[in-house]
Amino acid sequence: MWVALALAAALFQVLRNTVMKRLGHALDEYINVWGRFTFLLPWALVTAAVTGWPTLKSGFYAWCLAFGVCQTLSTLALSKALKLADISLVTALWKVGLLILLGMAWVTIGEHPSALGVAGVLLSAAGVYLLNVTRAHISPWEPLRVLVTDRGHRYTLLAALLYAPSVITIKQAILASNTAAGTFGTYLAASLIMTPVALTTSARHFPAVPRYWKEFVALGLFAALTTLSQGKAYTLTLSSYVEAVKQIEILFAMGVGVLFFGEAERVRESALGALVMLAGMVLLALAS
């Protein structure tokens, strides 16, 4: 069950990122992030109303606030990295966040994966890494080498370091409520933190929001479906397992490239990374 939910989250994330890319070209990355956080809220609130608002356990509000801070800082750091460095290098290096999550969840919330599960997570991360460095036609060591020479990649590392606590805090908020309430509470905190940032950096773009209302509504819907799917999966298994399976979003995105943009040659170049990633997913399914 959790594997199907993680796969659904990966697919919805591809759709979310597609809308974000369109809005990023039309507006800018700050109002884009603000829209993702804010337009998710009505969908999460409706889901919470339909499924029933739970009794909130101790720590719920603290987990929501912690998520809001970590998610906002991680997203802004990643946006900065993407502006300063090559996207393939950023994507490859950012995936070390999966390994950080594996260790941090072990220490902080007692998620102890089996040996098979650890192997699955490591293979999934390695597959993503290989896939991106192969597509960029660079040495496997290049993303690590540029850490000491490139400011953009230091922002990438910061985003990766903040990614793990973002996952852990939203999972804890969900466990202290339920999937819909946890999603609403955490992203309400993130939206409240992001709003003054967007107003400061992107005030000139806010009048254009009504013109792009369809894109913002779609962005909120796909963001909500992503978070609700993965949030439910978090309640069924380890967060590192869910996030490892979600890496298949890259293969979904490659499939879109083949079907609609004729990128079959680039996909063939990435076959090794894709196979390693799929092997990791098989191990994770077996580990559960």
C-alpha atoms as a PDB file:
ATOM      1  CA  MET A   1       0.000   0.000   0.000  1.00  0.00           C
ATOM      2  CA  TRP A   2       2.709   2.495   0.966  1.00  0.00           C
ATOM      3  CA  VAL A   3       4.614   1.811  -2.275  1.00  0.00           C
ATOM      4  CA  ALA A   4       1.523   2.687  -4.345  1.00  0.00           C
ATOM      5  CA  LEU A   5       1.054   5.892  -2.328  1.00  0.00           C
ATOM      6  CA  ALA A   6       4.712   6.861  -2.787  1.00  0.00           C
ATOM      7  CA  LEU A   7       4.469   6.231  -6.538  1.00  0.00           C
ATOM      8  CA  ALA A   8       1.315   8.354  -6.697  1.00  0.00           C
ATOM      9  CA  ALA A   9       3.122  11.133  -4.797  1.00  0.00           C
ATOM     10  CA  ALA A  10       5.989  10.958  -7.293  1.00  0.00           C
ATOM     11  CA  LEU A  11       3.612  11.288 -10.251  1.00  0.00           C
ATOM     12  CA  PHE A  12       1.753  14.211  -8.693  1.00  0.00           C
ATOM     13  CA  GLN A  13       5.107  15.830  -7.907  1.00  0.00           C
ATOM     14  CA  VAL A  14       6.073  15.707 -11.586  1.00  0.00           C
ATOM     15  CA  LEU A  15       2.790  17.442 -12.450  1.00  0.00           C
ATOM     16  CA  ARG A  16       3.356  19.999  -9.673  1.00  0.00           C
ATOM     17  CA  ASN A  17       6.872  20.736 -10.913  1.00  0.00           C
ATOM     18  CA  THR A  18       5.599  21.118 -14.476  1.00  0.00           C
ATOM     19  CA  VAL A  19       3.196  23.850 -13.364  1.00  0.00           C
ATOM     20  CA  MET A  20       5.900  25.449 -11.201  1.00  0.00           C
ATOM     21  CA  LYS A  21       8.237  25.579 -14.201  1.00  0.00           C
ATOM     22  CA  ARG A  22       5.615  27.405 -16.247  1.00  0.00           C
ATOM     23  CA  LEU A  23       4.929  29.900 -13.478  1.00  0.00           C
ATOM     24  CA  GLY A  24       8.648  30.338 -12.818  1.00  0.00           C
ATOM     25  CA  HIS A  25       9.137  31.517 -16.390  1.00  0.00           C
ATOM     26  CA  ALA A  26       6.105  33.816 -16.242  1.00  0.00           C
ATOM     27  CA  LEU A  27       6.736  35.275 -12.760  1.00  0.00           C
ATOM     28  CA  ASP A  28       9.655  34.355 -10.452  1.00  0.00           C
ATOM     29  CA  GLU A  29      10.733  31.621  -8.047  1.00  0.00           C
ATOM     30  CA  TYR A  30       9.676  33.402  -4.846  1.00  0.00           C
ATOM     31  CA  ILE A  31       6.034  33.925  -5.747  1.00  0.00           C
ATOM     32  CA  ASN A  32       6.155  30.432  -7.249  1.00  0.00           C
ATOM     33  CA  VAL A  33       7.090  28.936  -3.862  1.00  0.00           C
ATOM     34  CA  TRP A  34       4.531  31.152  -2.127  1.00  0.00           C
ATOM     35  CA  GLY A  35       1.853  29.890  -4.529  1.00  0.00           C
ATOM     36  CA  ARG A  36       2.806  26.280  -3.916  1.00  0.00           C
ATOM     37  CA  PHE A  37       2.496  26.693  -0.145  1.00  0.00           C
ATOM     38  CA  THR A  38      -0.608  28.887  -0.151  1.00  0.00           C
ATOM     39  CA  PHE A  39      -2.787  27.351  -2.874  1.00  0.00           C
ATOM     40  CA  LEU A  40      -2.319  23.917  -1.316  1.00  0.00           C
ATOM     41  CA  LEU A  41      -4.206  25.056   1.790  1.00  0.00           C
ATOM     42  CA  PRO A  42      -7.827  25.036   0.495  1.00  0.00           C
ATOM     43  CA  TRP A  43      -7.441  21.489  -0.847  1.00  0.00           C
ATOM     44  CA  ALA A  44      -5.946  20.254   2.429  1.00  0.00           C
ATOM     45  CA  LEU A  45      -8.637  22.038   4.451  1.00  0.00           C
ATOM     46  CA  VAL A  46     -11.454  20.522   2.388  1.00  0.00           C
ATOM     47  CA  THR A  47      -9.897  17.067   2.804  1.00  0.00           C
ATOM     48  CA  ALA A  48      -9.630  17.622   6.557  1.00  0.00           C
ATOM     49  CA  ALA A  49     -13.281  18.682   6.706  1.00  0.00           C
ATOM     50  CA  VAL A  50     -14.419  15.632   4.742  1.00  0.00           C
ATOM     51  CA  THR A  51     -12.332  13.118   6.690  1.00  0.00           C
ATOM     52  CA  GLY A  52     -12.971  14.753  10.060  1.00  0.00           C
ATOM     53  CA  TRP A  53     -10.765  17.048  12.103  1.00  0.00           C
ATOM     54  CA  PRO A  54      -8.800  14.968  14.629  1.00  0.00           C
ATOM     55  CA  THR A  55      -7.941  15.594  18.257  1.00  0.00           C
ATOM     56  CA  LEU A  56      -4.545  17.261  18.130  1.00  0.00           C
ATOM     57  CA  LYS A  57      -1.839  15.627  20.210  1.00  0.00           C
ATOM     58  CA  SER A  58       0.881  17.345  22.181  1.00  0.00           C
ATOM     59  CA  GLY A  59       3.574  18.896  20.012  1.00  0.00           C
ATOM     60  CA  PHE A  60       1.432  19.405  16.910  1.00  0.00           C
ATOM     61  CA  TYR A  61       1.888  23.175  16.726  1.00  0.00           C
ATOM     62  CA  ALA A  62       5.615  22.980  17.434  1.00  0.00           C
ATOM     63  CA  TRP A  63       6.088  20.407  14.647  1.00  0.00           C
ATOM     64  CA  CYS A  64       4.112  22.618  12.233  1.00  0.00           C
ATOM     65  CA  LEU A  65       6.245  25.664  13.051  1.00  0.00           C
ATOM     66  CA  ALA A  66       9.473  23.671  12.743  1.00  0.00           C
ATOM     67  CA  PHE A  67       8.362  22.364   9.349  1.00  0.00           C
ATOM     68  CA  GLY A  68       7.457  25.857   8.172  1.00  0.00           C
ATOM     69  CA  VAL A  69      10.931  27.154   8.994  1.00  0.00           C
ATOM     70  CA  CYS A  70      12.829  24.166   7.545  1.00  0.00           C
ATOM     71  CA  GLN A  71      10.710  23.844   4.398  1.00  0.00           C
ATOM     72  CA  THR A  72      10.884  27.553   3.599  1.00  0.00           C
ATOM     73  CA  LEU A  73      14.656  27.762   4.109  1.00  0.00           C
ATOM     74  CA  SER A  74      15.259  24.534   2.160  1.00  0.00           C
ATOM     75  CA  THR A  75      13.107  25.653  -0.769  1.00  0.00           C
ATOM     76  CA  LEU A  76      14.716  29.104  -0.925  1.00  0.00           C
ATOM     77  CA  ALA A  77      18.207  27.581  -0.749  1.00  0.00           C
ATOM     78  CA  LEU A  78      17.361  25.191  -3.587  1.00  0.00           C
ATOM     79  CA  SER A  79      15.920  28.032  -5.682  1.00  0.00           C
ATOM     80  CA  LYS A  80      19.126  30.011  -5.130  1.00  0.00           C
ATOM     81  CA  ALA A  81      21.232  26.984  -6.073  1.00  0.00           C
ATOM     82  CA  LEU A  82      19.303  26.470  -9.309  1.00  0.00           C
ATOM     83  CA  LYS A  83      19.953  30.102 -10.275  1.00  0.00           C
ATOM     84  CA  LEU A  84      23.696  29.857  -9.592  1.00  0.00           C
ATOM     85  CA  ALA A  85      24.617  26.339 -10.778  1.00  0.00           C
ATOM     86  CA  ASP A  86      23.870  23.746 -13.447  1.00  0.00           C
ATOM     87  CA  ILE A  87      20.603  21.911 -12.812  1.00  0.00           C
ATOM     88  CA  SER A  88      22.080  18.429 -13.344  1.00  0.00           C
ATOM     89  CA  LEU A  89      24.805  19.030 -10.767  1.00  0.00           C
ATOM     90  CA  VAL A  90      22.329  20.547  -8.322  1.00  0.00           C
ATOM     91  CA  THR A  91      19.892  17.637  -8.704  1.00  0.00           C
ATOM     92  CA  ALA A  92      22.621  15.045  -8.207  1.00  0.00           C
ATOM     93  CA  LEU A  93      24.107  16.705  -5.141  1.00  0.00           C
ATOM     94  CA  TRP A  94      20.743  17.542  -3.560  1.00  0.00           C
ATOM     95  CA  LYS A  95      19.906  13.854  -3.408  1.00  0.00           C
ATOM     96  CA  VAL A  96      22.455  13.358  -0.621  1.00  0.00           C
ATOM     97  CA  GLY A  97      19.562  14.680   1.459  1.00  0.00           C
ATOM     98  CA  LEU A  98      18.081  11.176   1.248  1.00  0.00           C
ATOM     99  CA  LEU A  99      21.135   9.778   3.034  1.00  0.00           C
ATOM    100  CA  ILE A 100      20.982  12.568   5.616  1.00  0.00           C
ATOM    101  CA  LEU A 101      17.322  11.689   6.195  1.00  0.00           C
ATOM    102  CA  LEU A 102      18.238   8.037   6.728  1.00  0.00           C
ATOM    103  CA  GLY A 103      20.662   8.955   9.507  1.00  0.00           C
ATOM    104  CA  MET A 104      18.693  11.801  11.055  1.00  0.00           C
ATOM    105  CA  ALA A 105      15.438   9.819  11.264  1.00  0.00           C
ATOM    106  CA  TRP A 106      17.364   6.985  12.935  1.00  0.00           C
ATOM    107  CA  VAL A 107      18.738   9.347  15.609  1.00  0.00           C
ATOM    108  CA  THR A 108      15.752  11.659  16.196  1.00  0.00           C
ATOM    109  CA  ILE A 109      12.567   9.604  15.815  1.00  0.00           C
ATOM    110  CA  GLY A 110      13.864   6.059  16.077  1.00  0.00           C
ATOM    111  CA  GLU A 111      13.288   4.890  12.497  1.00  0.00           C
ATOM    112  CA  HIS A 112      15.520   1.821  12.237  1.00  0.00           C
ATOM    113  CA  PRO A 113      15.512   0.368   8.724  1.00  0.00           C
ATOM    114  CA  SER A 114      16.492  -3.231   8.063  1.00  0.00           C
ATOM    115  CA  ALA A 115      19.739  -4.050   6.264  1.00  0.00           C
ATOM    116  CA  LEU A 116      17.681  -4.655   3.118  1.00  0.00           C
ATOM    117  CA  GLY A 117      15.976  -1.304   3.570  1.00  0.00           C
ATOM    118  CA  VAL A 118      19.297   0.533   3.994  1.00  0.00           C
ATOM    119  CA  ALA A 119      20.583  -1.142   0.831  1.00  0.00           C
ATOM    120  CA  GLY A 120      17.424  -0.070  -1.024  1.00  0.00           C
ATOM    121  CA  VAL A 121      17.766   3.565   0.074  1.00  0.00           C
ATOM    122  CA  LEU A 122      21.466   3.624  -0.847  1.00  0.00           C
ATOM    123  CA  LEU A 123      20.773   2.107  -4.271  1.00  0.00           C
ATOM    124  CA  SER A 124      17.958   4.581  -4.940  1.00  0.00           C
ATOM    125  CA  ALA A 125      20.192   7.528  -4.035  1.00  0.00           C
ATOM    126  CA  ALA A 126      23.068   6.105  -6.100  1.00  0.00           C
ATOM    127  CA  GLY A 127      20.759   5.613  -9.082  1.00  0.00           C
ATOM    128  CA  VAL A 128      19.579   9.230  -8.979  1.00  0.00           C
ATOM    129  CA  TYR A 129      23.164  10.414  -8.641  1.00  0.00           C
ATOM    130  CA  LEU A 130      24.404   8.311 -11.568  1.00  0.00           C
ATOM    131  CA  LEU A 131      21.438   9.294 -13.699  1.00  0.00           C
ATOM    132  CA  ASN A 132      22.134  13.001 -13.308  1.00  0.00           C
ATOM    133  CA  VAL A 133      25.905  12.937 -13.717  1.00  0.00           C
ATOM    134  CA  THR A 134      25.528  10.718 -16.810  1.00  0.00           C
ATOM    135  CA  ARG A 135      23.029  13.086 -18.391  1.00  0.00           C
ATOM    136  CA  ALA A 136      25.361  16.014 -17.646  1.00  0.00           C
ATOM    137  CA  HIS A 137      28.347  14.125 -19.195  1.00  0.00           C
ATOM    138  CA  ILE A 138      30.559  14.762 -16.180  1.00  0.00           C
ATOM    139  CA  SER A 139      32.697  12.765 -13.781  1.00  0.00           C
ATOM    140  CA  PRO A 140      30.886  11.149 -10.825  1.00  0.00           C
ATOM    141  CA  TRP A 141      33.139  13.234  -8.567  1.00  0.00           C
ATOM    142  CA  GLU A 142      32.293  16.563 -10.173  1.00  0.00           C
ATOM    143  CA  PRO A 143      29.273  17.450  -7.951  1.00  0.00           C
ATOM    144  CA  LEU A 144      31.437  16.824  -4.874  1.00  0.00           C
ATOM    145  CA  ARG A 145      34.459  18.697  -6.242  1.00  0.00           C
ATOM    146  CA  VAL A 146      32.513  21.862  -6.952  1.00  0.00           C
ATOM    147  CA  LEU A 147      31.365  22.037  -3.327  1.00  0.00           C
ATOM    148  CA  VAL A 148      34.609  23.824  -2.514  1.00  0.00           C
ATOM    149  CA  THR A 149      34.636  26.015  -5.628  1.00  0.00           C
ATOM    150  CA  ASP A 150      31.026  26.914  -6.402  1.00  0.00           C
ATOM    151  CA  ARG A 151      28.708  29.023  -4.248  1.00  0.00           C
ATOM    152  CA  GLY A 152      25.619  27.550  -5.894  1.00  0.00           C
ATOM    153  CA  HIS A 153      26.511  24.073  -4.730  1.00  0.00           C
ATOM    154  CA  ARG A 154      26.979  25.234  -1.178  1.00  0.00           C
ATOM    155  CA  TYR A 155      23.359  26.406  -1.356  1.00  0.00           C
ATOM    156  CA  THR A 156      22.503  22.936  -2.675  1.00  0.00           C
ATOM    157  CA  LEU A 157      24.155  21.305   0.327  1.00  0.00           C
ATOM    158  CA  LEU A 158      22.236  23.637   2.656  1.00  0.00           C
ATOM    159  CA  ALA A 159      18.976  22.639   0.945  1.00  0.00           C
ATOM    160  CA  ALA A 160      19.891  18.953   1.343  1.00  0.00           C
ATOM    161  CA  LEU A 161      20.668  19.424   5.036  1.00  0.00           C
ATOM    162  CA  LEU A 162      17.279  21.098   5.609  1.00  0.00           C
ATOM    163  CA  TYR A 163      15.377  18.532   3.534  1.00  0.00           C
ATOM    164  CA  ALA A 164      15.684  15.828   6.207  1.00  0.00           C
ATOM    165  CA  PRO A 165      14.184  17.859   9.080  1.00  0.00           C
ATOM    166  CA  SER A 166      11.393  18.975   6.734  1.00  0.00           C
ATOM    167  CA  VAL A 167      10.391  15.343   6.158  1.00  0.00           C
ATOM    168  CA  ILE A 168      10.745  14.417   9.827  1.00  0.00           C
ATOM    169  CA  THR A 169       8.710  17.373  11.112  1.00  0.00           C
ATOM    170  CA  ILE A 170       5.795  16.922   8.694  1.00  0.00           C
ATOM    171  CA  LYS A 171       5.663  13.217   9.543  1.00  0.00           C
ATOM    172  CA  GLN A 172       5.534  14.046  13.248  1.00  0.00           C
ATOM    173  CA  ALA A 173       2.818  16.648  12.671  1.00  0.00           C
ATOM    174  CA  ILE A 174       0.773  14.046  10.769  1.00  0.00           C
ATOM    175  CA  LEU A 175       1.260  11.477  13.522  1.00  0.00           C
ATOM    176  CA  ALA A 176       0.111  14.107  16.052  1.00  0.00           C
ATOM    177  CA  SER A 177      -3.124  14.678  14.054  1.00  0.00           C
ATOM    178  CA  ASN A 178      -3.911  12.936  10.769  1.00  0.00           C
ATOM    179  CA  THR A 179      -2.750  13.230   7.177  1.00  0.00           C
ATOM    180  CA  ALA A 180      -5.044  16.083   6.105  1.00  0.00           C
ATOM    181  CA  ALA A 181      -4.772  18.134   9.315  1.00  0.00           C
ATOM    182  CA  GLY A 182      -1.008  17.644   9.419  1.00  0.00           C
ATOM    183  CA  THR A 183      -0.690  18.768   5.810  1.00  0.00           C
ATOM    184  CA  PHE A 184      -2.857  21.837   6.428  1.00  0.00           C
ATOM    185  CA  GLY A 185      -1.096  22.851   9.645  1.00  0.00           C
ATOM    186  CA  THR A 186       2.442  22.491   8.333  1.00  0.00           C
ATOM    187  CA  TYR A 187       1.825  24.321   5.081  1.00  0.00           C
ATOM    188  CA  LEU A 188      -0.150  27.050   6.829  1.00  0.00           C
ATOM    189  CA  ALA A 189       2.983  27.712   8.884  1.00  0.00           C
ATOM    190  CA  ALA A 190       5.136  27.621   5.738  1.00  0.00           C
ATOM    191  CA  SER A 191       2.773  30.006   3.919  1.00  0.00           C
ATOM    192  CA  LEU A 192       2.744  32.462   6.820  1.00  0.00           C
ATOM    193  CA  ILE A 193       6.548  32.478   6.834  1.00  0.00           C
ATOM    194  CA  MET A 194       6.865  32.705   3.043  1.00  0.00           C
ATOM    195  CA  THR A 195       4.284  35.461   2.513  1.00  0.00           C
ATOM    196  CA  PRO A 196       6.391  38.384   3.849  1.00  0.00           C
ATOM    197  CA  VAL A 197       9.392  37.043   1.898  1.00  0.00           C
ATOM    198  CA  ALA A 198       7.381  36.984  -1.340  1.00  0.00           C
ATOM    199  CA  LEU A 199       5.905  40.423  -0.633  1.00  0.00           C
ATOM    200  CA  THR A 200       9.410  41.809  -0.143  1.00  0.00           C
ATOM    201  CA  THR A 201      11.031  40.177  -3.174  1.00  0.00           C
ATOM    202  CA  SER A 202       8.145  39.841  -5.637  1.00  0.00           C
ATOM    203  CA  ALA A 203       5.574  42.525  -4.863  1.00  0.00           C
ATOM    204  CA  ARG A 204       5.484  43.538  -8.541  1.00  0.00           C
ATOM    205  CA  HIS A 205       4.221  40.061  -9.503  1.00  0.00           C
ATOM    206  CA  PHE A 206       1.251  39.825  -7.120  1.00  0.00           C
ATOM    207  CA  PRO A 207      -1.092  41.817  -9.406  1.00  0.00           C
ATOM    208  CA  ALA A 208      -0.518  39.092 -12.033  1.00  0.00           C
ATOM    209  CA  VAL A 209      -1.779  36.279  -9.778  1.00  0.00           C
ATOM    210  CA  PRO A 210      -5.451  36.600 -10.925  1.00  0.00           C
ATOM    211  CA  ARG A 211      -4.292  36.334 -14.538  1.00  0.00           C
ATOM    212  CA  TYR A 212      -2.641  32.994 -13.765  1.00  0.00           C
ATOM    213  CA  TRP A 213      -5.345  31.728 -11.420  1.00  0.00           C
ATOM    214  CA  LYS A 214      -5.777  28.441 -13.301  1.00  0.00           C
ATOM    215  CA  GLU A 215      -2.071  27.646 -12.974  1.00  0.00           C
ATOM    216  CA  PHE A 216      -2.055  28.528  -9.269  1.00  0.00           C
ATOM    217  CA  VAL A 217      -5.134  26.393  -8.604  1.00  0.00           C
ATOM    218  CA  ALA A 218      -3.544  23.465 -10.474  1.00  0.00           C
ATOM    219  CA  LEU A 219      -0.298  24.019  -8.587  1.00  0.00           C
ATOM    220  CA  GLY A 220      -2.142  23.877  -5.271  1.00  0.00           C
ATOM    221  CA  LEU A 221      -4.075  20.756  -6.279  1.00  0.00           C
ATOM    222  CA  PHE A 222      -1.003  18.793  -7.397  1.00  0.00           C
ATOM    223  CA  ALA A 223       0.994  19.975  -4.369  1.00  0.00           C
ATOM    224  CA  ALA A 224      -1.825  18.845  -2.070  1.00  0.00           C
ATOM    225  CA  LEU A 225      -2.141  15.447  -3.781  1.00  0.00           C
ATOM    226  CA  THR A 226       1.628  14.971  -3.511  1.00  0.00           C
ATOM    227  CA  THR A 227       1.735  15.802   0.192  1.00  0.00           C
ATOM    228  CA  LEU A 228      -1.419  13.875   1.121  1.00  0.00           C
ATOM    229  CA  SER A 229      -0.207  10.752  -0.708  1.00  0.00           C
ATOM    230  CA  GLN A 230       3.257  10.796   0.797  1.00  0.00           C
ATOM    231  CA  GLY A 231       1.875  11.816   4.195  1.00  0.00           C
ATOM    232  CA  LYS A 232      -0.352   8.755   4.328  1.00  0.00           C
ATOM    233  CA  ALA A 233       2.605   6.616   3.248  1.00  0.00           C
ATOM    234  CA  TYR A 234       4.668   8.075   6.125  1.00  0.00           C
ATOM    235  CA  THR A 235       2.145   6.629   8.581  1.00  0.00           C
ATOM    236  CA  LEU A 236       2.605   3.136   7.109  1.00  0.00           C
ATOM    237  CA  THR A 237       6.396   2.824   6.896  1.00  0.00           C
ATOM    238  CA  LEU A 238       9.717   4.636   7.388  1.00  0.00           C
ATOM    239  CA  SER A 239      10.028   8.125   5.914  1.00  0.00           C
ATOM    240  CA  SER A 240      13.338   7.253   4.222  1.00  0.00           C
ATOM    241  CA  TYR A 241      11.637   4.352   2.398  1.00  0.00           C
ATOM    242  CA  VAL A 242       8.890   6.637   1.092  1.00  0.00           C
ATOM    243  CA  GLU A 243      11.326   9.325  -0.043  1.00  0.00           C
ATOM    244  CA  ALA A 244      13.552   6.742  -1.734  1.00  0.00           C
ATOM    245  CA  VAL A 245      10.645   5.356  -3.770  1.00  0.00           C
ATOM    246  CA  LYS A 246       9.575   8.894  -4.661  1.00  0.00           C
ATOM    247  CA  GLN A 247      12.842   9.330  -6.554  1.00  0.00           C
ATOM    248  CA  ILE A 248      11.102   7.529  -9.413  1.00  0.00           C
ATOM    249  CA  GLU A 249       9.629  10.944 -10.236  1.00  0.00           C
ATOM    250  CA  ILE A 250      12.767  11.413 -12.333  1.00  0.00           C
ATOM    251  CA  LEU A 251      11.823   8.387 -14.444  1.00  0.00           C
ATOM    252  CA  PHE A 252       8.288   9.739 -14.798  1.00  0.00           C
ATOM    253  CA  ALA A 253       9.731  13.054 -15.961  1.00  0.00           C
ATOM    254  CA  MET A 254      11.977  11.217 -18.430  1.00  0.00           C
ATOM    255  CA  GLY A 255       8.915   9.384 -19.733  1.00  0.00           C
ATOM    256  CA  VAL A 256       7.223  12.721 -20.361  1.00  0.00           C
ATOM    257  CA  GLY A 257      10.355  13.810 -22.215  1.00  0.00           C
ATOM    258  CA  VAL A 258      10.220  10.740 -24.462  1.00  0.00           C
ATOM    259  CA  LEU A 259       6.490  10.977 -25.188  1.00  0.00           C
ATOM    260  CA  PHE A 260       6.204  14.706 -25.767  1.00  0.00           C
ATOM    261  CA  PHE A 261       9.667  16.128 -26.435  1.00  0.00           C
ATOM    262  CA  GLY A 262      11.533  13.388 -28.354  1.00  0.00           C
ATOM    263  CA  GLU A 263      14.272  12.924 -25.758  1.00  0.00           C
ATOM    264  CA  ALA A 264      14.794   9.169 -26.287  1.00  0.00           C
ATOM    265  CA  GLU A 265      18.558   9.566 -26.794  1.00  0.00           C
ATOM    266  CA  ARG A 266      19.005  11.303 -23.444  1.00  0.00           C
ATOM    267  CA  VAL A 267      17.001   8.543 -21.771  1.00  0.00           C
ATOM    268  CA  ARG A 268      19.277   5.856 -23.253  1.00  0.00           C
ATOM    269  CA  GLU A 269      22.260   7.715 -21.806  1.00  0.00           C
ATOM    270  CA  SER A 270      20.645   7.503 -18.366  1.00  0.00           C
ATOM    271  CA  ALA A 271      19.789   3.799 -18.467  1.00  0.00           C
ATOM    272  CA  LEU A 272      22.377   2.696 -15.883  1.00  0.00           C
ATOM    273  CA  GLY A 273      21.181   5.159 -13.255  1.00  0.00           C
ATOM    274  CA  ALA A 274      17.570   4.226 -13.928  1.00  0.00           C
ATOM    275  CA  LEU A 275      18.272   0.518 -13.500  1.00  0.00           C
ATOM    276  CA  VAL A 276      20.133   1.096 -10.226  1.00  0.00           C
ATOM    277  CA  MET A 277      17.263   3.213  -8.955  1.00  0.00           C
ATOM    278  CA  LEU A 278      14.704   0.546  -9.862  1.00  0.00           C
ATOM    279  CA  ALA A 279      16.813  -2.112  -8.117  1.00  0.00           C
ATOM    280  CA  GLY A 280      16.704   0.025  -4.996  1.00  0.00           C
ATOM    281  CA  MET A 281      12.929   0.231  -5.190  1.00  0.00           C
ATOM    282  CA  VAL A 282      12.660  -3.549  -5.460  1.00  0.00           C
ATOM    283  CA  LEU A 283      14.754  -3.957  -2.315  1.00  0.00           C
ATOM    284  CA  LEU A 284      12.606  -1.418  -0.458  1.00  0.00           C
ATOM    285  CA  ALA A 285       9.437  -3.254  -1.434  1.00  0.00           C
ATOM    286  CA  LEU A 286      10.961  -6.490  -0.197  1.00  0.00           C
ATOM    287  CA  ALA A 287      12.159  -4.839   3.017  1.00  0.00           C
ATOM    288  CA  SER A 288       8.642  -3.751   3.905  1.00  0.00           C
END
